[in-house]
Amino acid sequence: MTATEATADGITARYTETEAERLLTFEGETSTAAIAQNVEGYAMLKVRPSADGDELERYYGFDMALDHAAELLGTSPDRLPVPAAAADMGM
């Protein structure tokens, strides 16, 4: 498993890879959000309220998934830290 982390503006982002998916999780002071993609990296991105939460929505583009994650965290997408290993998520 590979993991990287980034922190900015009170939000910590963690990127991990499991056998099944690539997972980018965000943890703010009062809420969390997660973006998941299959490990091959070609499927739509799934936005969840947490790493193991139910899927809320699917997106082709990483920017749209980040918008939704930011909404769940109560911030703007440009304030979300994105570890370098997760920068290529999306189709």
PDB file of N, CA and C in Angstrom:
ATOM      1  N   MET A   1       0.841  -1.178   0.000  1.00  0.00           N
ATOM      2  CA  MET A   1       0.000   0.000   0.000  1.00  0.00           C
ATOM      3  C   MET A   1       0.888   1.243   0.000  1.00  0.00           C
ATOM      4  N   THR A   2       0.510   2.244  -0.795  1.00  0.00           N
ATOM      5  CA  THR A   2       1.219   3.511  -0.865  1.00  0.00           C
ATOM      6  C   THR A   2       0.383   4.576  -0.184  1.00  0.00           C
ATOM      7  N   ALA A   3       1.003   5.449   0.587  1.00  0.00           N
ATOM      8  CA  ALA A   3       0.248   6.524   1.248  1.00  0.00           C
ATOM      9  C   ALA A   3       1.047   7.813   1.203  1.00  0.00           C
ATOM     10  N   THR A   4       0.345   8.894   0.947  1.00  0.00           N
ATOM     11  CA  THR A   4       0.951  10.215   1.052  1.00  0.00           C
ATOM     12  C   THR A   4      -0.038  11.124   1.743  1.00  0.00           C
ATOM     13  N   GLU A   5       0.458  12.215   2.288  1.00  0.00           N
ATOM     14  CA  GLU A   5      -0.387  13.111   3.085  1.00  0.00           C
ATOM     15  C   GLU A   5      -0.030  14.562   2.794  1.00  0.00           C
ATOM     16  N   ALA A   6      -1.040  15.424   2.865  1.00  0.00           N
ATOM     17  CA  ALA A   6      -0.833  16.871   2.724  1.00  0.00           C
ATOM     18  C   ALA A   6      -1.806  17.571   3.664  1.00  0.00           C
ATOM     19  N   THR A   7      -1.387  18.697   4.224  1.00  0.00           N
ATOM     20  CA  THR A   7      -2.237  19.460   5.139  1.00  0.00           C
ATOM     21  C   THR A   7      -2.198  20.934   4.756  1.00  0.00           C
ATOM     22  N   ALA A   8      -3.380  21.567   4.779  1.00  0.00           N
ATOM     23  CA  ALA A   8      -3.483  23.004   4.524  1.00  0.00           C
ATOM     24  C   ALA A   8      -4.802  23.509   5.077  1.00  0.00           C
ATOM     25  N   ASP A   9      -4.797  24.706   5.626  1.00  0.00           N
ATOM     26  CA  ASP A   9      -6.021  25.368   6.097  1.00  0.00           C
ATOM     27  C   ASP A   9      -6.873  24.484   7.017  1.00  0.00           C
ATOM     28  N   GLY A  10      -6.233  23.712   7.877  1.00  0.00           N
ATOM     29  CA  GLY A  10      -6.958  22.886   8.829  1.00  0.00           C
ATOM     30  C   GLY A  10      -7.546  21.603   8.245  1.00  0.00           C
ATOM     31  N   ILE A  11      -7.182  21.265   7.016  1.00  0.00           N
ATOM     32  CA  ILE A  11      -7.681  20.042   6.372  1.00  0.00           C
ATOM     33  C   ILE A  11      -6.491  19.141   6.065  1.00  0.00           C
ATOM     34  N   THR A  12      -6.614  17.873   6.432  1.00  0.00           N
ATOM     35  CA  THR A  12      -5.581  16.894   6.130  1.00  0.00           C
ATOM     36  C   THR A  12      -6.107  15.959   5.051  1.00  0.00           C
ATOM     37  N   ALA A  13      -5.318  15.773   4.007  1.00  0.00           N
ATOM     38  CA  ALA A  13      -5.660  14.857   2.921  1.00  0.00           C
ATOM     39  C   ALA A  13      -4.708  13.671   2.975  1.00  0.00           C
ATOM     40  N   ARG A  14      -5.257  12.479   2.822  1.00  0.00           N
ATOM     41  CA  ARG A  14      -4.443  11.257   2.798  1.00  0.00           C
ATOM     42  C   ARG A  14      -4.791  10.461   1.553  1.00  0.00           C
ATOM     43  N   TYR A  15      -3.771  10.096   0.799  1.00  0.00           N
ATOM     44  CA  TYR A  15      -3.952   9.270  -0.385  1.00  0.00           C
ATOM     45  C   TYR A  15      -3.428   7.880  -0.080  1.00  0.00           C
ATOM     46  N   THR A  16      -4.238   6.872  -0.330  1.00  0.00           N
ATOM     47  CA  THR A  16      -3.825   5.489  -0.133  1.00  0.00           C
ATOM     48  C   THR A  16      -4.285   4.653  -1.321  1.00  0.00           C
ATOM     49  N   GLU A  17      -3.626   3.534  -1.513  1.00  0.00           N
ATOM     50  CA  GLU A  17      -4.035   2.559  -2.517  1.00  0.00           C
ATOM     51  C   GLU A  17      -4.226   1.222  -1.824  1.00  0.00           C
ATOM     52  N   THR A  18      -5.374   0.616  -2.072  1.00  0.00           N
ATOM     53  CA  THR A  18      -5.641  -0.718  -1.564  1.00  0.00           C
ATOM     54  C   THR A  18      -5.618  -1.676  -2.752  1.00  0.00           C
ATOM     55  N   GLU A  19      -5.950  -2.915  -2.526  1.00  0.00           N
ATOM     56  CA  GLU A  19      -6.016  -3.879  -3.630  1.00  0.00           C
ATOM     57  C   GLU A  19      -7.118  -3.520  -4.613  1.00  0.00           C
ATOM     58  N   ALA A  20      -8.156  -2.829  -4.148  1.00  0.00           N
ATOM     59  CA  ALA A  20      -9.322  -2.561  -4.984  1.00  0.00           C
ATOM     60  C   ALA A  20      -9.431  -1.122  -5.493  1.00  0.00           C
ATOM     61  N   GLU A  21      -8.914  -0.149  -4.728  1.00  0.00           N
ATOM     62  CA  GLU A  21      -9.141   1.233  -5.157  1.00  0.00           C
ATOM     63  C   GLU A  21      -8.073   2.207  -4.697  1.00  0.00           C
ATOM     64  N   ARG A  22      -8.067   3.340  -5.386  1.00  0.00           N
ATOM     65  CA  ARG A  22      -7.279   4.503  -4.991  1.00  0.00           C
ATOM     66  C   ARG A  22      -8.213   5.352  -4.147  1.00  0.00           C
ATOM     67  N   LEU A  23      -7.754   5.843  -3.026  1.00  0.00           N
ATOM     68  CA  LEU A  23      -8.622   6.547  -2.097  1.00  0.00           C
ATOM     69  C   LEU A  23      -7.953   7.831  -1.606  1.00  0.00           C
ATOM     70  N   LEU A  24      -8.661   8.937  -1.771  1.00  0.00           N
ATOM     71  CA  LEU A  24      -8.211  10.233  -1.275  1.00  0.00           C
ATOM     72  C   LEU A  24      -9.211  10.676  -0.221  1.00  0.00           C
ATOM     73  N   THR A  25      -8.765  10.759   1.026  1.00  0.00           N
ATOM     74  CA  THR A  25      -9.662  11.150   2.108  1.00  0.00           C
ATOM     75  C   THR A  25      -9.251  12.515   2.649  1.00  0.00           C
ATOM     76  N   PHE A  26     -10.259  13.273   3.050  1.00  0.00           N
ATOM     77  CA  PHE A  26     -10.059  14.596   3.619  1.00  0.00           C
ATOM     78  C   PHE A  26     -10.660  14.618   5.010  1.00  0.00           C
ATOM     79  N   GLU A  27      -9.929  15.205   5.948  1.00  0.00           N
ATOM     80  CA  GLU A  27     -10.428  15.336   7.309  1.00  0.00           C
ATOM     81  C   GLU A  27     -10.301  16.789   7.739  1.00  0.00           C
ATOM     82  N   GLY A  28     -11.456  17.415   7.982  1.00  0.00           N
ATOM     83  CA  GLY A  28     -11.491  18.782   8.476  1.00  0.00           C
ATOM     84  C   GLY A  28     -11.756  18.775   9.966  1.00  0.00           C
ATOM     85  N   GLU A  29     -12.001  19.933  10.526  1.00  0.00           N
ATOM     86  CA  GLU A  29     -12.243  20.029  11.966  1.00  0.00           C
ATOM     87  C   GLU A  29     -13.550  19.366  12.375  1.00  0.00           C
ATOM     88  N   THR A  30     -14.575  19.439  11.519  1.00  0.00           N
ATOM     89  CA  THR A  30     -15.891  18.909  11.900  1.00  0.00           C
ATOM     90  C   THR A  30     -16.472  17.912  10.904  1.00  0.00           C
ATOM     91  N   SER A  31     -15.799  17.665   9.787  1.00  0.00           N
ATOM     92  CA  SER A  31     -16.367  16.744   8.798  1.00  0.00           C
ATOM     93  C   SER A  31     -15.272  16.058   7.988  1.00  0.00           C
ATOM     94  N   THR A  32     -15.689  15.060   7.220  1.00  0.00           N
ATOM     95  CA  THR A  32     -14.780  14.308   6.365  1.00  0.00           C
ATOM     96  C   THR A  32     -15.395  14.137   4.987  1.00  0.00           C
ATOM     97  N   ALA A  33     -14.562  13.769   4.031  1.00  0.00           N
ATOM     98  CA  ALA A  33     -15.011  13.459   2.676  1.00  0.00           C
ATOM     99  C   ALA A  33     -13.989  12.511   2.069  1.00  0.00           C
ATOM    100  N   ALA A  34     -14.420  11.751   1.081  1.00  0.00           N
ATOM    101  CA  ALA A  34     -13.511  10.818   0.414  1.00  0.00           C
ATOM    102  C   ALA A  34     -13.833  10.759  -1.070  1.00  0.00           C
ATOM    103  N   ILE A  35     -12.780  10.570  -1.865  1.00  0.00           N
ATOM    104  CA  ILE A  35     -12.914  10.360  -3.301  1.00  0.00           C
ATOM    105  C   ILE A  35     -12.230   9.044  -3.608  1.00  0.00           C
ATOM    106  N   ALA A  36     -12.954   8.140  -4.283  1.00  0.00           N
ATOM    107  CA  ALA A  36     -12.412   6.808  -4.577  1.00  0.00           C
ATOM    108  C   ALA A  36     -12.470   6.532  -6.075  1.00  0.00           C
ATOM    109  N   GLN A  37     -11.510   5.757  -6.553  1.00  0.00           N
ATOM    110  CA  GLN A  37     -11.452   5.330  -7.948  1.00  0.00           C
ATOM    111  C   GLN A  37     -10.888   3.919  -7.961  1.00  0.00           C
ATOM    112  N   ASN A  38     -11.252   3.128  -8.975  1.00  0.00           N
ATOM    113  CA  ASN A  38     -10.701   1.784  -9.009  1.00  0.00           C
ATOM    114  C   ASN A  38      -9.186   1.848  -9.134  1.00  0.00           C
ATOM    115  N   VAL A  39      -8.522   0.788  -8.746  1.00  0.00           N
ATOM    116  CA  VAL A  39      -7.064   0.784  -8.675  1.00  0.00           C
ATOM    117  C   VAL A  39      -6.423   0.945 -10.053  1.00  0.00           C
ATOM    118  N   GLU A  40      -7.132   0.562 -11.110  1.00  0.00           N
ATOM    119  CA  GLU A  40      -6.598   0.733 -12.454  1.00  0.00           C
ATOM    120  C   GLU A  40      -6.619   2.196 -12.882  1.00  0.00           C
ATOM    121  N   GLY A  41      -7.432   3.024 -12.222  1.00  0.00           N
ATOM    122  CA  GLY A  41      -7.449   4.448 -12.473  1.00  0.00           C
ATOM    123  C   GLY A  41      -8.236   4.892 -13.685  1.00  0.00           C
ATOM    124  N   TYR A  42      -9.165   4.067 -14.178  1.00  0.00           N
ATOM    125  CA  TYR A  42      -9.915   4.482 -15.355  1.00  0.00           C
ATOM    126  C   TYR A  42     -11.407   4.651 -15.110  1.00  0.00           C
ATOM    127  N   ALA A  43     -11.916   4.308 -13.967  1.00  0.00           N
ATOM    128  CA  ALA A  43     -13.351   4.401 -13.684  1.00  0.00           C
ATOM    129  C   ALA A  43     -13.707   5.781 -13.139  1.00  0.00           C
ATOM    130  N   MET A  44     -15.007   6.049 -13.099  1.00  0.00           N
ATOM    131  CA  MET A  44     -15.486   7.312 -12.539  1.00  0.00           C
ATOM    132  C   MET A  44     -15.088   7.420 -11.071  1.00  0.00           C
ATOM    133  N   LEU A  45     -14.972   8.648 -10.602  1.00  0.00           N
ATOM    134  CA  LEU A  45     -14.642   8.910  -9.207  1.00  0.00           C
ATOM    135  C   LEU A  45     -15.910   8.877  -8.372  1.00  0.00           C
ATOM    136  N   LYS A  46     -15.846   8.244  -7.220  1.00  0.00           N
ATOM    137  CA  LYS A  46     -16.982   8.166  -6.305  1.00  0.00           C
ATOM    138  C   LYS A  46     -16.721   9.076  -5.115  1.00  0.00           C
ATOM    139  N   VAL A  47     -17.672   9.936  -4.804  1.00  0.00           N
ATOM    140  CA  VAL A  47     -17.546  10.798  -3.629  1.00  0.00           C
ATOM    141  C   VAL A  47     -18.366  10.186  -2.504  1.00  0.00           C
ATOM    142  N   ARG A  48     -17.742  10.098  -1.333  1.00  0.00           N
ATOM    143  CA  ARG A  48     -18.369   9.524  -0.144  1.00  0.00           C
ATOM    144  C   ARG A  48     -18.181  10.487   1.029  1.00  0.00           C
ATOM    145  N   PRO A  49     -19.016  10.363   2.055  1.00  0.00           N
ATOM    146  CA  PRO A  49     -18.821  11.213   3.232  1.00  0.00           C
ATOM    147  C   PRO A  49     -17.618  10.775   4.076  1.00  0.00           C
ATOM    148  N   SER A  50     -17.165   9.547   3.874  1.00  0.00           N
ATOM    149  CA  SER A  50     -15.992   9.010   4.570  1.00  0.00           C
ATOM    150  C   SER A  50     -15.439   7.867   3.726  1.00  0.00           C
ATOM    151  N   ALA A  51     -14.263   7.364   4.087  1.00  0.00           N
ATOM    152  CA  ALA A  51     -13.624   6.313   3.300  1.00  0.00           C
ATOM    153  C   ALA A  51     -14.508   5.083   3.140  1.00  0.00           C
ATOM    154  N   ASP A  52     -15.232   4.732   4.185  1.00  0.00           N
ATOM    155  CA  ASP A  52     -16.080   3.541   4.127  1.00  0.00           C
ATOM    156  C   ASP A  52     -17.565   3.875   4.052  1.00  0.00           C
ATOM    157  N   GLY A  53     -17.883   5.137   3.758  1.00  0.00           N
ATOM    158  CA  GLY A  53     -19.280   5.574   3.664  1.00  0.00           C
ATOM    159  C   GLY A  53     -19.921   5.181   2.347  1.00  0.00           C
ATOM    160  N   ASP A  54     -21.226   5.391   2.274  1.00  0.00           N
ATOM    161  CA  ASP A  54     -21.979   5.106   1.055  1.00  0.00           C
ATOM    162  C   ASP A  54     -21.671   6.150  -0.003  1.00  0.00           C
ATOM    163  N   GLU A  55     -21.644   5.719  -1.236  1.00  0.00           N
ATOM    164  CA  GLU A  55     -21.400   6.611  -2.366  1.00  0.00           C
ATOM    165  C   GLU A  55     -22.500   7.660  -2.459  1.00  0.00           C
ATOM    166  N   LEU A  56     -22.103   8.920  -2.615  1.00  0.00           N
ATOM    167  CA  LEU A  56     -23.062  10.018  -2.757  1.00  0.00           C
ATOM    168  C   LEU A  56     -23.272  10.389  -4.223  1.00  0.00           C
ATOM    169  N   GLU A  57     -22.191  10.363  -5.006  1.00  0.00           N
ATOM    170  CA  GLU A  57     -22.254  10.792  -6.402  1.00  0.00           C
ATOM    171  C   GLU A  57     -21.022  10.269  -7.138  1.00  0.00           C
ATOM    172  N   ARG A  58     -21.128  10.190  -8.482  1.00  0.00           N
ATOM    173  CA  ARG A  58     -19.982   9.810  -9.323  1.00  0.00           C
ATOM    174  C   ARG A  58     -19.679  10.936 -10.298  1.00  0.00           C
ATOM    175  N   TYR A  59     -18.381  11.093 -10.586  1.00  0.00           N
ATOM    176  CA  TYR A  59     -17.927  12.137 -11.499  1.00  0.00           C
ATOM    177  C   TYR A  59     -16.833  11.594 -12.410  1.00  0.00           C
ATOM    178  N   TYR A  60     -16.768  12.115 -13.646  1.00  0.00           N
ATOM    179  CA  TYR A  60     -15.667  11.794 -14.551  1.00  0.00           C
ATOM    180  C   TYR A  60     -14.436  12.611 -14.192  1.00  0.00           C
ATOM    181  N   GLY A  61     -14.647  13.880 -13.874  1.00  0.00           N
ATOM    182  CA  GLY A  61     -13.526  14.781 -13.645  1.00  0.00           C
ATOM    183  C   GLY A  61     -13.154  14.934 -12.184  1.00  0.00           C
ATOM    184  N   PHE A  62     -11.860  15.029 -11.941  1.00  0.00           N
ATOM    185  CA  PHE A  62     -11.342  15.209 -10.592  1.00  0.00           C
ATOM    186  C   PHE A  62     -11.802  16.540 -10.015  1.00  0.00           C
ATOM    187  N   ASP A  63     -11.868  17.581 -10.861  1.00  0.00           N
ATOM    188  CA  ASP A  63     -12.278  18.894 -10.369  1.00  0.00           C
ATOM    189  C   ASP A  63     -13.701  18.882  -9.832  1.00  0.00           C
ATOM    190  N   MET A  64     -14.600  18.160 -10.483  1.00  0.00           N
ATOM    191  CA  MET A  64     -15.983  18.074 -10.002  1.00  0.00           C
ATOM    192  C   MET A  64     -16.066  17.279  -8.700  1.00  0.00           C
ATOM    193  N   ALA A  65     -15.274  16.224  -8.590  1.00  0.00           N
ATOM    194  CA  ALA A  65     -15.236  15.447  -7.348  1.00  0.00           C
ATOM    195  C   ALA A  65     -14.679  16.296  -6.207  1.00  0.00           C
ATOM    196  N   LEU A  66     -13.654  17.095  -6.498  1.00  0.00           N
ATOM    197  CA  LEU A  66     -13.100  17.992  -5.473  1.00  0.00           C
ATOM    198  C   LEU A  66     -14.120  19.041  -5.053  1.00  0.00           C
ATOM    199  N   ASP A  67     -14.910  19.545  -6.007  1.00  0.00           N
ATOM    200  CA  ASP A  67     -15.964  20.507  -5.667  1.00  0.00           C
ATOM    201  C   ASP A  67     -16.931  19.903  -4.652  1.00  0.00           C
ATOM    202  N   HIS A  68     -17.346  18.667  -4.896  1.00  0.00           N
ATOM    203  CA  HIS A  68     -18.302  18.002  -4.009  1.00  0.00           C
ATOM    204  C   HIS A  68     -17.655  17.737  -2.644  1.00  0.00           C
ATOM    205  N   ALA A  69     -16.413  17.266  -2.640  1.00  0.00           N
ATOM    206  CA  ALA A  69     -15.718  17.010  -1.377  1.00  0.00           C
ATOM    207  C   ALA A  69     -15.592  18.307  -0.575  1.00  0.00           C
ATOM    208  N   ALA A  70     -15.267  19.393  -1.254  1.00  0.00           N
ATOM    209  CA  ALA A  70     -15.142  20.689  -0.573  1.00  0.00           C
ATOM    210  C   ALA A  70     -16.474  21.110   0.033  1.00  0.00           C
ATOM    211  N   GLU A  71     -17.556  20.857  -0.692  1.00  0.00           N
ATOM    212  CA  GLU A  71     -18.888  21.184  -0.170  1.00  0.00           C
ATOM    213  C   GLU A  71     -19.173  20.404   1.111  1.00  0.00           C
ATOM    214  N   LEU A  72     -18.806  19.124   1.127  1.00  0.00           N
ATOM    215  CA  LEU A  72     -19.008  18.304   2.329  1.00  0.00           C
ATOM    216  C   LEU A  72     -18.185  18.829   3.508  1.00  0.00           C
ATOM    217  N   LEU A  73     -17.030  19.414   3.202  1.00  0.00           N
ATOM    218  CA  LEU A  73     -16.137  19.940   4.243  1.00  0.00           C
ATOM    219  C   LEU A  73     -16.430  21.390   4.598  1.00  0.00           C
ATOM    220  N   GLY A  74     -17.325  22.023   3.858  1.00  0.00           N
ATOM    221  CA  GLY A  74     -17.668  23.409   4.128  1.00  0.00           C
ATOM    222  C   GLY A  74     -16.573  24.392   3.757  1.00  0.00           C
ATOM    223  N   THR A  75     -15.873  24.111   2.661  1.00  0.00           N
ATOM    224  CA  THR A  75     -14.792  24.987   2.216  1.00  0.00           C
ATOM    225  C   THR A  75     -14.838  25.099   0.704  1.00  0.00           C
ATOM    226  N   SER A  76     -13.890  25.797   0.130  1.00  0.00           N
ATOM    227  CA  SER A  76     -13.816  25.906  -1.326  1.00  0.00           C
ATOM    228  C   SER A  76     -12.803  24.892  -1.861  1.00  0.00           C
ATOM    229  N   PRO A  77     -12.984  24.433  -3.087  1.00  0.00           N
ATOM    230  CA  PRO A  77     -12.095  23.413  -3.652  1.00  0.00           C
ATOM    231  C   PRO A  77     -10.627  23.839  -3.700  1.00  0.00           C
ATOM    232  N   ASP A  78     -10.359  25.118  -3.903  1.00  0.00           N
ATOM    233  CA  ASP A  78      -8.976  25.569  -3.981  1.00  0.00           C
ATOM    234  C   ASP A  78      -8.267  25.545  -2.629  1.00  0.00           C
ATOM    235  N   ARG A  79      -8.992  25.299  -1.562  1.00  0.00           N
ATOM    236  CA  ARG A  79      -8.385  25.203  -0.228  1.00  0.00           C
ATOM    237  C   ARG A  79      -8.068  23.754   0.153  1.00  0.00           C
ATOM    238  N   LEU A  80      -8.476  22.797  -0.690  1.00  0.00           N
ATOM    239  CA  LEU A  80      -8.211  21.387  -0.389  1.00  0.00           C
ATOM    240  C   LEU A  80      -6.781  21.022  -0.768  1.00  0.00           C
ATOM    241  N   PRO A  81      -6.029  20.468   0.164  1.00  0.00           N
ATOM    242  CA  PRO A  81      -4.686  19.991  -0.183  1.00  0.00           C
ATOM    243  C   PRO A  81      -4.821  18.672  -0.949  1.00  0.00           C
ATOM    244  N   VAL A  82      -4.043  18.515  -2.005  1.00  0.00           N
ATOM    245  CA  VAL A  82      -4.077  17.272  -2.791  1.00  0.00           C
ATOM    246  C   VAL A  82      -2.660  16.731  -2.863  1.00  0.00           C
ATOM    247  N   PRO A  83      -2.414  15.580  -2.238  1.00  0.00           N
ATOM    248  CA  PRO A  83      -1.087  14.976  -2.334  1.00  0.00           C
ATOM    249  C   PRO A  83      -0.726  14.700  -3.794  1.00  0.00           C
ATOM    250  N   ALA A  84       0.546  14.834  -4.140  1.00  0.00           N
ATOM    251  CA  ALA A  84       0.994  14.652  -5.517  1.00  0.00           C
ATOM    252  C   ALA A  84       0.563  13.312  -6.114  1.00  0.00           C
ATOM    253  N   ALA A  85       0.546  12.259  -5.324  1.00  0.00           N
ATOM    254  CA  ALA A  85       0.175  10.941  -5.833  1.00  0.00           C
ATOM    255  C   ALA A  85      -1.267  10.865  -6.287  1.00  0.00           C
ATOM    256  N   ALA A  86      -2.123  11.782  -5.823  1.00  0.00           N
ATOM    257  CA  ALA A  86      -3.535  11.774  -6.181  1.00  0.00           C
ATOM    258  C   ALA A  86      -3.862  12.737  -7.310  1.00  0.00           C
ATOM    259  N   ALA A  87      -2.926  13.517  -7.763  1.00  0.00           N
ATOM    260  CA  ALA A  87      -3.180  14.575  -8.745  1.00  0.00           C
ATOM    261  C   ALA A  87      -3.700  14.064 -10.085  1.00  0.00           C
ATOM    262  N   ASP A  88      -3.472  12.807 -10.409  1.00  0.00           N
ATOM    263  CA  ASP A  88      -3.899  12.271 -11.702  1.00  0.00           C
ATOM    264  C   ASP A  88      -5.202  11.479 -11.627  1.00  0.00           C
ATOM    265  N   MET A  89      -5.947  11.611 -10.537  1.00  0.00           N
ATOM    266  CA  MET A  89      -7.217  10.900 -10.436  1.00  0.00           C
ATOM    267  C   MET A  89      -8.229  11.516 -11.404  1.00  0.00           C
ATOM    268  N   GLY A  90      -9.164  10.722 -11.863  1.00  0.00           N
ATOM    269  CA  GLY A  90     -10.176  11.181 -12.808  1.00  0.00           C
ATOM    270  C   GLY A  90      -9.915  10.629 -14.188  1.00  0.00           C
ATOM    271  N   MET A  91     -10.870  10.879 -15.064  1.00  0.00           N
ATOM    272  CA  MET A  91     -10.753  10.321 -16.420  1.00  0.00           C
ATOM    273  C   MET A  91     -10.280  11.368 -17.406  1.00  0.00           C
TER     274      MET A  91
END
